[in-house]
Amino acid sequence: MGVYSNLYENAIKSVNGTKKMIMALVVMWIRAVHAKPITIGNMVYWAIIKNGEDVPAYCYLSDYKNGGPFLPIYDENNTGEFGWSDFSECCRIFDVIYNAIQKS
């Protein structure tokens, strides 16, 4: 690889590391600080294990009441199967979760 390709690859690795750190902090806030699923509006948030990692997850309140599954908030591979693939949108959700936990 060339100099510029290496710079770009290192920047991508740094961004991905930051994403993982943010999600780990959200999981910690949900599990350790709040210690139970948190309902905000018509959504319930918790943490699940996806591909061997703890990740923030959501479930619609109506589905949650019927035993529906939690799905990861961040759709890292943009599959369209769950959640949001734009990480800035995920961060807005994470801020809402953080603020709700702070108020509880």
PDB file of N, CA and C in Angstrom:
ATOM      1  N   MET A   1       0.829  -1.180   0.000  1.00  0.00           N
ATOM      2  CA  MET A   1       0.000   0.000   0.000  1.00  0.00           C
ATOM      3  C   MET A   1       0.876   1.247   0.000  1.00  0.00           C
ATOM      4  N   GLY A   2       0.310   2.304  -0.533  1.00  0.00           N
ATOM      5  CA  GLY A   2       1.034   3.563  -0.580  1.00  0.00           C
ATOM      6  C   GLY A   2       0.826   4.397   0.670  1.00  0.00           C
ATOM      7  N   VAL A   3       1.517   5.514   0.710  1.00  0.00           N
ATOM      8  CA  VAL A   3       1.452   6.412   1.863  1.00  0.00           C
ATOM      9  C   VAL A   3       0.027   6.878   2.120  1.00  0.00           C
ATOM     10  N   TYR A   4      -0.666   7.331   1.084  1.00  0.00           N
ATOM     11  CA  TYR A   4      -2.008   7.872   1.261  1.00  0.00           C
ATOM     12  C   TYR A   4      -3.024   6.778   1.573  1.00  0.00           C
ATOM     13  N   SER A   5      -2.843   5.638   0.995  1.00  0.00           N
ATOM     14  CA  SER A   5      -3.723   4.507   1.307  1.00  0.00           C
ATOM     15  C   SER A   5      -3.574   4.118   2.772  1.00  0.00           C
ATOM     16  N   ASN A   6      -2.350   4.124   3.268  1.00  0.00           N
ATOM     17  CA  ASN A   6      -2.112   3.808   4.678  1.00  0.00           C
ATOM     18  C   ASN A   6      -2.742   4.847   5.594  1.00  0.00           C
ATOM     19  N   LEU A   7      -2.605   6.134   5.257  1.00  0.00           N
ATOM     20  CA  LEU A   7      -3.227   7.189   6.056  1.00  0.00           C
ATOM     21  C   LEU A   7      -4.734   6.998   6.118  1.00  0.00           C
ATOM     22  N   TYR A   8      -5.326   6.694   4.960  1.00  0.00           N
ATOM     23  CA  TYR A   8      -6.777   6.496   4.898  1.00  0.00           C
ATOM     24  C   TYR A   8      -7.194   5.284   5.718  1.00  0.00           C
ATOM     25  N   GLU A   9      -6.505   4.178   5.571  1.00  0.00           N
ATOM     26  CA  GLU A   9      -6.827   2.955   6.313  1.00  0.00           C
ATOM     27  C   GLU A   9      -6.710   3.190   7.819  1.00  0.00           C
ATOM     28  N   ASN A  10      -5.700   3.916   8.257  1.00  0.00           N
ATOM     29  CA  ASN A  10      -5.539   4.212   9.683  1.00  0.00           C
ATOM     30  C   ASN A  10      -6.668   5.101  10.189  1.00  0.00           C
ATOM     31  N   ALA A  11      -7.112   6.040   9.360  1.00  0.00           N
ATOM     32  CA  ALA A  11      -8.233   6.899   9.760  1.00  0.00           C
ATOM     33  C   ALA A  11      -9.511   6.086   9.917  1.00  0.00           C
ATOM     34  N   ILE A  12      -9.750   5.170   9.003  1.00  0.00           N
ATOM     35  CA  ILE A  12     -10.934   4.299   9.075  1.00  0.00           C
ATOM     36  C   ILE A  12     -10.873   3.444  10.334  1.00  0.00           C
ATOM     37  N   LYS A  13      -9.721   2.885  10.637  1.00  0.00           N
ATOM     38  CA  LYS A  13      -9.565   2.076  11.850  1.00  0.00           C
ATOM     39  C   LYS A  13      -9.846   2.912  13.089  1.00  0.00           C
ATOM     40  N   SER A  14      -9.400   4.155  13.102  1.00  0.00           N
ATOM     41  CA  SER A  14      -9.631   5.043  14.239  1.00  0.00           C
ATOM     42  C   SER A  14     -11.117   5.335  14.411  1.00  0.00           C
ATOM     43  N   VAL A  15     -11.797   5.604  13.315  1.00  0.00           N
ATOM     44  CA  VAL A  15     -13.238   5.872  13.364  1.00  0.00           C
ATOM     45  C   VAL A  15     -13.986   4.639  13.859  1.00  0.00           C
ATOM     46  N   ASN A  16     -13.648   3.482  13.341  1.00  0.00           N
ATOM     47  CA  ASN A  16     -14.316   2.248  13.771  1.00  0.00           C
ATOM     48  C   ASN A  16     -14.057   1.962  15.247  1.00  0.00           C
ATOM     49  N   GLY A  17     -12.856   2.258  15.715  1.00  0.00           N
ATOM     50  CA  GLY A  17     -12.548   2.089  17.130  1.00  0.00           C
ATOM     51  C   GLY A  17     -13.378   3.027  17.997  1.00  0.00           C
ATOM     52  N   THR A  18     -13.579   4.247  17.520  1.00  0.00           N
ATOM     53  CA  THR A  18     -14.401   5.207  18.245  1.00  0.00           C
ATOM     54  C   THR A  18     -15.850   4.740  18.300  1.00  0.00           C
ATOM     55  N   LYS A  19     -16.357   4.198  17.209  1.00  0.00           N
ATOM     56  CA  LYS A  19     -17.725   3.671  17.193  1.00  0.00           C
ATOM     57  C   LYS A  19     -17.882   2.570  18.235  1.00  0.00           C
ATOM     58  N   LYS A  20     -16.926   1.647  18.279  1.00  0.00           N
ATOM     59  CA  LYS A  20     -17.000   0.555  19.253  1.00  0.00           C
ATOM     60  C   LYS A  20     -16.931   1.082  20.685  1.00  0.00           C
ATOM     61  N   MET A  21     -16.100   2.097  20.925  1.00  0.00           N
ATOM     62  CA  MET A  21     -15.988   2.676  22.256  1.00  0.00           C
ATOM     63  C   MET A  21     -17.312   3.323  22.670  1.00  0.00           C
ATOM     64  N   ILE A  22     -17.936   4.063  21.758  1.00  0.00           N
ATOM     65  CA  ILE A  22     -19.213   4.716  22.057  1.00  0.00           C
ATOM     66  C   ILE A  22     -20.264   3.673  22.404  1.00  0.00           C
ATOM     67  N   MET A  23     -20.346   2.616  21.601  1.00  0.00           N
ATOM     68  CA  MET A  23     -21.354   1.585  21.863  1.00  0.00           C
ATOM     69  C   MET A  23     -21.082   0.876  23.189  1.00  0.00           C
ATOM     70  N   ALA A  24     -19.810   0.654  23.529  1.00  0.00           N
ATOM     71  CA  ALA A  24     -19.480   0.033  24.817  1.00  0.00           C
ATOM     72  C   ALA A  24     -19.914   0.923  25.980  1.00  0.00           C
ATOM     73  N   LEU A  25     -19.748   2.233  25.832  1.00  0.00           N
ATOM     74  CA  LEU A  25     -20.195   3.156  26.871  1.00  0.00           C
ATOM     75  C   LEU A  25     -21.712   3.131  27.026  1.00  0.00           C
ATOM     76  N   VAL A  26     -22.431   3.080  25.912  1.00  0.00           N
ATOM     77  CA  VAL A  26     -23.897   3.020  25.964  1.00  0.00           C
ATOM     78  C   VAL A  26     -24.347   1.732  26.640  1.00  0.00           C
ATOM     79  N   VAL A  27     -23.723   0.619  26.293  1.00  0.00           N
ATOM     80  CA  VAL A  27     -24.051  -0.667  26.928  1.00  0.00           C
ATOM     81  C   VAL A  27     -23.811  -0.576  28.431  1.00  0.00           C
ATOM     82  N   MET A  28     -22.694   0.030  28.820  1.00  0.00           N
ATOM     83  CA  MET A  28     -22.388   0.179  30.242  1.00  0.00           C
ATOM     84  C   MET A  28     -23.466   1.006  30.936  1.00  0.00           C
ATOM     85  N   TRP A  29     -23.874   2.111  30.327  1.00  0.00           N
ATOM     86  CA  TRP A  29     -24.903   2.965  30.935  1.00  0.00           C
ATOM     87  C   TRP A  29     -26.221   2.210  31.084  1.00  0.00           C
ATOM     88  N   ILE A  30     -26.594   1.475  30.061  1.00  0.00           N
ATOM     89  CA  ILE A  30     -27.869   0.758  30.111  1.00  0.00           C
ATOM     90  C   ILE A  30     -27.819  -0.362  31.142  1.00  0.00           C
ATOM     91  N   ARG A  31     -26.777  -1.176  31.075  1.00  0.00           N
ATOM     92  CA  ARG A  31     -26.710  -2.362  31.945  1.00  0.00           C
ATOM     93  C   ARG A  31     -26.294  -2.045  33.366  1.00  0.00           C
ATOM     94  N   ALA A  32     -25.231  -1.264  33.529  1.00  0.00           N
ATOM     95  CA  ALA A  32     -24.677  -1.052  34.867  1.00  0.00           C
ATOM     96  C   ALA A  32     -25.384   0.065  35.624  1.00  0.00           C
ATOM     97  N   VAL A  33     -25.698   1.138  34.933  1.00  0.00           N
ATOM     98  CA  VAL A  33     -26.294   2.279  35.620  1.00  0.00           C
ATOM     99  C   VAL A  33     -27.805   2.127  35.728  1.00  0.00           C
ATOM    100  N   HIS A  34     -28.451   1.797  34.637  1.00  0.00           N
ATOM    101  CA  HIS A  34     -29.907   1.677  34.664  1.00  0.00           C
ATOM    102  C   HIS A  34     -30.338   0.277  35.105  1.00  0.00           C
ATOM    103  N   ALA A  35     -29.579  -0.736  34.706  1.00  0.00           N
ATOM    104  CA  ALA A  35     -29.728  -2.128  35.145  1.00  0.00           C
ATOM    105  C   ALA A  35     -31.010  -2.825  34.698  1.00  0.00           C
ATOM    106  N   LYS A  36     -31.741  -2.240  33.786  1.00  0.00           N
ATOM    107  CA  LYS A  36     -32.928  -2.897  33.216  1.00  0.00           C
ATOM    108  C   LYS A  36     -33.254  -2.189  31.907  1.00  0.00           C
ATOM    109  N   PRO A  37     -34.037  -2.840  31.056  1.00  0.00           N
ATOM    110  CA  PRO A  37     -34.420  -2.164  29.810  1.00  0.00           C
ATOM    111  C   PRO A  37     -35.069  -0.812  30.106  1.00  0.00           C
ATOM    112  N   ILE A  38     -34.804   0.149  29.243  1.00  0.00           N
ATOM    113  CA  ILE A  38     -35.329   1.496  29.448  1.00  0.00           C
ATOM    114  C   ILE A  38     -36.324   1.841  28.347  1.00  0.00           C
ATOM    115  N   THR A  39     -37.510   2.290  28.766  1.00  0.00           N
ATOM    116  CA  THR A  39     -38.559   2.664  27.813  1.00  0.00           C
ATOM    117  C   THR A  39     -38.519   4.168  27.604  1.00  0.00           C
ATOM    118  N   ILE A  40     -38.458   4.554  26.335  1.00  0.00           N
ATOM    119  CA  ILE A  40     -38.494   5.959  25.950  1.00  0.00           C
ATOM    120  C   ILE A  40     -39.480   6.059  24.782  1.00  0.00           C
ATOM    121  N   GLY A  41     -40.604   6.723  25.028  1.00  0.00           N
ATOM    122  CA  GLY A  41     -41.632   6.799  23.988  1.00  0.00           C
ATOM    123  C   GLY A  41     -42.169   5.419  23.671  1.00  0.00           C
ATOM    124  N   ASN A  42     -42.177   5.076  22.383  1.00  0.00           N
ATOM    125  CA  ASN A  42     -42.684   3.770  21.976  1.00  0.00           C
ATOM    126  C   ASN A  42     -41.563   2.759  21.712  1.00  0.00           C
ATOM    127  N   MET A  43     -40.371   3.028  22.283  1.00  0.00           N
ATOM    128  CA  MET A  43     -39.227   2.133  22.100  1.00  0.00           C
ATOM    129  C   MET A  43     -38.697   1.686  23.456  1.00  0.00           C
ATOM    130  N   VAL A  44     -38.125   0.496  23.476  1.00  0.00           N
ATOM    131  CA  VAL A  44     -37.455  -0.033  24.657  1.00  0.00           C
ATOM    132  C   VAL A  44     -36.010  -0.314  24.237  1.00  0.00           C
ATOM    133  N   TYR A  45     -35.065   0.108  25.068  1.00  0.00           N
ATOM    134  CA  TYR A  45     -33.646  -0.060  24.754  1.00  0.00           C
ATOM    135  C   TYR A  45     -32.993  -0.957  25.791  1.00  0.00           C
ATOM    136  N   TRP A  46     -32.052  -1.759  25.337  1.00  0.00           N
ATOM    137  CA  TRP A  46     -31.301  -2.679  26.185  1.00  0.00           C
ATOM    138  C   TRP A  46     -29.999  -2.972  25.480  1.00  0.00           C
ATOM    139  N   ALA A  47     -29.288  -3.986  25.887  1.00  0.00           N
ATOM    140  CA  ALA A  47     -28.052  -4.409  25.231  1.00  0.00           C
ATOM    141  C   ALA A  47     -28.149  -5.898  24.953  1.00  0.00           C
ATOM    142  N   ILE A  48     -27.638  -6.296  23.801  1.00  0.00           N
ATOM    143  CA  ILE A  48     -27.629  -7.711  23.421  1.00  0.00           C
ATOM    144  C   ILE A  48     -26.228  -8.081  22.941  1.00  0.00           C
ATOM    145  N   ILE A  49     -26.020  -9.355  22.736  1.00  0.00           N
ATOM    146  CA  ILE A  49     -24.761  -9.816  22.168  1.00  0.00           C
ATOM    147  C   ILE A  49     -24.987 -10.077  20.680  1.00  0.00           C
ATOM    148  N   LYS A  50     -24.201  -9.414  19.855  1.00  0.00           N
ATOM    149  CA  LYS A  50     -24.263  -9.580  18.401  1.00  0.00           C
ATOM    150  C   LYS A  50     -22.848  -9.867  17.922  1.00  0.00           C
ATOM    151  N   ASN A  51     -22.658 -10.998  17.270  1.00  0.00           N
ATOM    152  CA  ASN A  51     -21.336 -11.409  16.786  1.00  0.00           C
ATOM    153  C   ASN A  51     -20.289 -11.378  17.898  1.00  0.00           C
ATOM    154  N   GLY A  52     -20.693 -11.828  19.087  1.00  0.00           N
ATOM    155  CA  GLY A  52     -19.768 -11.931  20.198  1.00  0.00           C
ATOM    156  C   GLY A  52     -19.491 -10.635  20.944  1.00  0.00           C
ATOM    157  N   GLU A  53     -20.163  -9.550  20.573  1.00  0.00           N
ATOM    158  CA  GLU A  53     -19.942  -8.262  21.234  1.00  0.00           C
ATOM    159  C   GLU A  53     -21.249  -7.732  21.808  1.00  0.00           C
ATOM    160  N   ASP A  54     -21.159  -7.072  22.961  1.00  0.00           N
ATOM    161  CA  ASP A  54     -22.321  -6.394  23.532  1.00  0.00           C
ATOM    162  C   ASP A  54     -22.591  -5.135  22.723  1.00  0.00           C
ATOM    163  N   VAL A  55     -23.830  -4.973  22.284  1.00  0.00           N
ATOM    164  CA  VAL A  55     -24.198  -3.789  21.505  1.00  0.00           C
ATOM    165  C   VAL A  55     -25.526  -3.233  22.006  1.00  0.00           C
ATOM    166  N   PRO A  56     -25.729  -1.915  21.877  1.00  0.00           N
ATOM    167  CA  PRO A  56     -27.014  -1.329  22.226  1.00  0.00           C
ATOM    168  C   PRO A  56     -28.090  -1.856  21.279  1.00  0.00           C
ATOM    169  N   ALA A  57     -29.283  -2.075  21.832  1.00  0.00           N
ATOM    170  CA  ALA A  57     -30.356  -2.662  21.030  1.00  0.00           C
ATOM    171  C   ALA A  57     -31.689  -1.981  21.336  1.00  0.00           C
ATOM    172  N   TYR A  58     -32.636  -2.174  20.430  1.00  0.00           N
ATOM    173  CA  TYR A  58     -33.960  -1.575  20.584  1.00  0.00           C
ATOM    174  C   TYR A  58     -35.036  -2.609  20.293  1.00  0.00           C
ATOM    175  N   CYS A  59     -36.241  -2.318  20.769  1.00  0.00           N
ATOM    176  CA  CYS A  59     -37.420  -3.119  20.475  1.00  0.00           C
ATOM    177  C   CYS A  59     -38.610  -2.167  20.571  1.00  0.00           C
ATOM    178  N   TYR A  60     -39.542  -2.273  19.650  1.00  0.00           N
ATOM    179  CA  TYR A  60     -40.755  -1.460  19.769  1.00  0.00           C
ATOM    180  C   TYR A  60     -41.509  -1.900  21.014  1.00  0.00           C
ATOM    181  N   LEU A  61     -42.091  -0.949  21.731  1.00  0.00           N
ATOM    182  CA  LEU A  61     -42.770  -1.240  22.991  1.00  0.00           C
ATOM    183  C   LEU A  61     -43.837  -2.312  22.822  1.00  0.00           C
ATOM    184  N   SER A  62     -44.627  -2.233  21.755  1.00  0.00           N
ATOM    185  CA  SER A  62     -45.677  -3.236  21.534  1.00  0.00           C
ATOM    186  C   SER A  62     -45.078  -4.626  21.328  1.00  0.00           C
ATOM    187  N   ASP A  63     -43.966  -4.714  20.608  1.00  0.00           N
ATOM    188  CA  ASP A  63     -43.293  -6.001  20.417  1.00  0.00           C
ATOM    189  C   ASP A  63     -42.679  -6.493  21.724  1.00  0.00           C
ATOM    190  N   TYR A  64     -42.110  -5.566  22.500  1.00  0.00           N
ATOM    191  CA  TYR A  64     -41.498  -5.918  23.783  1.00  0.00           C
ATOM    192  C   TYR A  64     -42.529  -6.547  24.722  1.00  0.00           C
ATOM    193  N   LYS A  65     -43.719  -5.960  24.744  1.00  0.00           N
ATOM    194  CA  LYS A  65     -44.783  -6.492  25.599  1.00  0.00           C
ATOM    195  C   LYS A  65     -45.207  -7.891  25.173  1.00  0.00           C
ATOM    196  N   ASN A  66     -44.993  -8.223  23.906  1.00  0.00           N
ATOM    197  CA  ASN A  66     -45.343  -9.540  23.377  1.00  0.00           C
ATOM    198  C   ASN A  66     -44.123 -10.460  23.270  1.00  0.00           C
ATOM    199  N   GLY A  67     -43.030 -10.089  23.936  1.00  0.00           N
ATOM    200  CA  GLY A  67     -41.835 -10.936  23.935  1.00  0.00           C
ATOM    201  C   GLY A  67     -40.985 -10.814  22.692  1.00  0.00           C
ATOM    202  N   GLY A  68     -41.170  -9.734  21.941  1.00  0.00           N
ATOM    203  CA  GLY A  68     -40.408  -9.541  20.700  1.00  0.00           C
ATOM    204  C   GLY A  68     -38.919  -9.399  20.952  1.00  0.00           C
ATOM    205  N   PRO A  69     -38.114  -9.662  19.944  1.00  0.00           N
ATOM    206  CA  PRO A  69     -36.664  -9.624  20.124  1.00  0.00           C
ATOM    207  C   PRO A  69     -36.107  -8.201  20.092  1.00  0.00           C
ATOM    208  N   PHE A  70     -35.001  -8.001  20.787  1.00  0.00           N
ATOM    209  CA  PHE A  70     -34.235  -6.770  20.669  1.00  0.00           C
ATOM    210  C   PHE A  70     -33.337  -6.892  19.444  1.00  0.00           C
ATOM    211  N   LEU A  71     -33.183  -5.801  18.729  1.00  0.00           N
ATOM    212  CA  LEU A  71     -32.330  -5.752  17.544  1.00  0.00           C
ATOM    213  C   LEU A  71     -31.258  -4.691  17.746  1.00  0.00           C
ATOM    214  N   PRO A  72     -30.068  -4.893  17.183  1.00  0.00           N
ATOM    215  CA  PRO A  72     -29.014  -3.888  17.335  1.00  0.00           C
ATOM    216  C   PRO A  72     -29.459  -2.532  16.768  1.00  0.00           C
ATOM    217  N   ILE A  73     -29.082  -1.464  17.443  1.00  0.00           N
ATOM    218  CA  ILE A  73     -29.397  -0.127  16.957  1.00  0.00           C
ATOM    219  C   ILE A  73     -28.564   0.179  15.713  1.00  0.00           C
ATOM    220  N   TYR A  74     -27.298  -0.212  15.730  1.00  0.00           N
ATOM    221  CA  TYR A  74     -26.393   0.118  14.630  1.00  0.00           C
ATOM    222  C   TYR A  74     -26.342  -1.017  13.618  1.00  0.00           C
ATOM    223  N   ASP A  75     -26.742  -0.727  12.395  1.00  0.00           N
ATOM    224  CA  ASP A  75     -26.682  -1.677  11.282  1.00  0.00           C
ATOM    225  C   ASP A  75     -25.359  -1.440  10.546  1.00  0.00           C
ATOM    226  N   GLU A  76     -24.300  -1.945  11.136  1.00  0.00           N
ATOM    227  CA  GLU A  76     -22.931  -1.692  10.676  1.00  0.00           C
ATOM    228  C   GLU A  76     -22.718  -2.031   9.206  1.00  0.00           C
ATOM    229  N   ASN A  77     -23.328  -3.103   8.741  1.00  0.00           N
ATOM    230  CA  ASN A  77     -23.117  -3.540   7.359  1.00  0.00           C
ATOM    231  C   ASN A  77     -24.192  -3.056   6.401  1.00  0.00           C
ATOM    232  N   ASN A  78     -25.075  -2.166   6.882  1.00  0.00           N
ATOM    233  CA  ASN A  78     -26.132  -1.587   6.056  1.00  0.00           C
ATOM    234  C   ASN A  78     -26.953  -2.672   5.354  1.00  0.00           C
ATOM    235  N   THR A  79     -27.355  -3.678   6.124  1.00  0.00           N
ATOM    236  CA  THR A  79     -28.133  -4.783   5.555  1.00  0.00           C
ATOM    237  C   THR A  79     -29.611  -4.437   5.414  1.00  0.00           C
ATOM    238  N   GLY A  80     -30.072  -3.459   6.190  1.00  0.00           N
ATOM    239  CA  GLY A  80     -31.489  -3.109   6.175  1.00  0.00           C
ATOM    240  C   GLY A  80     -32.350  -4.045   7.001  1.00  0.00           C
ATOM    241  N   GLU A  81     -31.728  -4.983   7.693  1.00  0.00           N
ATOM    242  CA  GLU A  81     -32.467  -5.947   8.515  1.00  0.00           C
ATOM    243  C   GLU A  81     -32.890  -5.368   9.849  1.00  0.00           C
ATOM    244  N   PHE A  82     -32.179  -4.359  10.329  1.00  0.00           N
ATOM    245  CA  PHE A  82     -32.442  -3.799  11.646  1.00  0.00           C
ATOM    246  C   PHE A  82     -31.782  -2.439  11.729  1.00  0.00           C
ATOM    247  N   GLY A  83     -32.199  -1.631  12.664  1.00  0.00           N
ATOM    248  CA  GLY A  83     -31.517  -0.415  13.067  1.00  0.00           C
ATOM    249  C   GLY A  83     -31.150   0.584  11.995  1.00  0.00           C
ATOM    250  N   TRP A  84     -30.148   1.386  12.316  1.00  0.00           N
ATOM    251  CA  TRP A  84     -29.725   2.511  11.497  1.00  0.00           C
ATOM    252  C   TRP A  84     -28.289   2.307  11.052  1.00  0.00           C
ATOM    253  N   SER A  85     -28.016   2.559   9.775  1.00  0.00           N
ATOM    254  CA  SER A  85     -26.656   2.374   9.261  1.00  0.00           C
ATOM    255  C   SER A  85     -25.836   3.658   9.336  1.00  0.00           C
ATOM    256  N   ASP A  86     -26.486   4.803   9.514  1.00  0.00           N
ATOM    257  CA  ASP A  86     -25.782   6.077   9.679  1.00  0.00           C
ATOM    258  C   ASP A  86     -25.443   6.224  11.165  1.00  0.00           C
ATOM    259  N   PHE A  87     -24.164   6.155  11.492  1.00  0.00           N
ATOM    260  CA  PHE A  87     -23.775   6.155  12.905  1.00  0.00           C
ATOM    261  C   PHE A  87     -24.129   7.459  13.600  1.00  0.00           C
ATOM    262  N   SER A  88     -24.201   8.562  12.863  1.00  0.00           N
ATOM    263  CA  SER A  88     -24.590   9.824  13.510  1.00  0.00           C
ATOM    264  C   SER A  88     -26.032   9.753  14.008  1.00  0.00           C
ATOM    265  N   GLU A  89     -26.906   9.028  13.290  1.00  0.00           N
ATOM    266  CA  GLU A  89     -28.279   8.815  13.762  1.00  0.00           C
ATOM    267  C   GLU A  89     -28.274   7.959  15.027  1.00  0.00           C
ATOM    268  N   CYS A  90     -27.413   6.955  15.051  1.00  0.00           N
ATOM    269  CA  CYS A  90     -27.287   6.108  16.247  1.00  0.00           C
ATOM    270  C   CYS A  90     -26.844   6.949  17.431  1.00  0.00           C
ATOM    271  N   CYS A  91     -25.909   7.855  17.202  1.00  0.00           N
ATOM    272  CA  CYS A  91     -25.421   8.702  18.293  1.00  0.00           C
ATOM    273  C   CYS A  91     -26.527   9.593  18.835  1.00  0.00           C
ATOM    274  N   ARG A  92     -27.431  10.041  17.977  1.00  0.00           N
ATOM    275  CA  ARG A  92     -28.571  10.826  18.464  1.00  0.00           C
ATOM    276  C   ARG A  92     -29.432   9.970  19.389  1.00  0.00           C
ATOM    277  N   ILE A  93     -29.643   8.720  19.012  1.00  0.00           N
ATOM    278  CA  ILE A  93     -30.406   7.793  19.851  1.00  0.00           C
ATOM    279  C   ILE A  93     -29.650   7.543  21.160  1.00  0.00           C
ATOM    280  N   PHE A  94     -28.339   7.343  21.064  1.00  0.00           N
ATOM    281  CA  PHE A  94     -27.535   7.110  22.267  1.00  0.00           C
ATOM    282  C   PHE A  94     -27.622   8.306  23.219  1.00  0.00           C
ATOM    283  N   ASP A  95     -27.656   9.518  22.661  1.00  0.00           N
ATOM    284  CA  ASP A  95     -27.808  10.714  23.501  1.00  0.00           C
ATOM    285  C   ASP A  95     -29.153  10.729  24.212  1.00  0.00           C
ATOM    286  N   VAL A  96     -30.202  10.327  23.515  1.00  0.00           N
ATOM    287  CA  VAL A  96     -31.528  10.257  24.134  1.00  0.00           C
ATOM    288  C   VAL A  96     -31.521   9.245  25.278  1.00  0.00           C
ATOM    289  N   ILE A  97     -30.912   8.099  25.057  1.00  0.00           N
ATOM    290  CA  ILE A  97     -30.815   7.077  26.103  1.00  0.00           C
ATOM    291  C   ILE A  97     -30.036   7.621  27.293  1.00  0.00           C
ATOM    292  N   TYR A  98     -28.901   8.225  27.031  1.00  0.00           N
ATOM    293  CA  TYR A  98     -28.060   8.779  28.091  1.00  0.00           C
ATOM    294  C   TYR A  98     -28.832   9.810  28.910  1.00  0.00           C
ATOM    295  N   ASN A  99     -29.495  10.716  28.220  1.00  0.00           N
ATOM    296  CA  ASN A  99     -30.258  11.768  28.923  1.00  0.00           C
ATOM    297  C   ASN A  99     -31.401  11.184  29.751  1.00  0.00           C
ATOM    298  N   ALA A 100     -32.073  10.175  29.222  1.00  0.00           N
ATOM    299  CA  ALA A 100     -33.168   9.541  29.970  1.00  0.00           C
ATOM    300  C   ALA A 100     -32.645   8.846  31.222  1.00  0.00           C
ATOM    301  N   ILE A 101     -31.497   8.205  31.121  1.00  0.00           N
ATOM    302  CA  ILE A 101     -30.919   7.530  32.284  1.00  0.00           C
ATOM    303  C   ILE A 101     -30.485   8.569  33.314  1.00  0.00           C
ATOM    304  N   GLN A 102     -29.931   9.668  32.864  1.00  0.00           N
ATOM    305  CA  GLN A 102     -29.518  10.732  33.783  1.00  0.00           C
ATOM    306  C   GLN A 102     -30.700  11.274  34.580  1.00  0.00           C
ATOM    307  N   LYS A 103     -31.868  11.337  33.939  1.00  0.00           N
ATOM    308  CA  LYS A 103     -33.065  11.873  34.591  1.00  0.00           C
ATOM    309  C   LYS A 103     -33.740  10.866  35.513  1.00  0.00           C
ATOM    310  N   SER A 104     -33.459   9.573  35.307  1.00  0.00           N
ATOM    311  CA  SER A 104     -34.151   8.543  36.094  1.00  0.00           C
ATOM    312  C   SER A 104     -33.535   8.348  37.464  1.00  0.00           C
TER     313      SER A 104
END
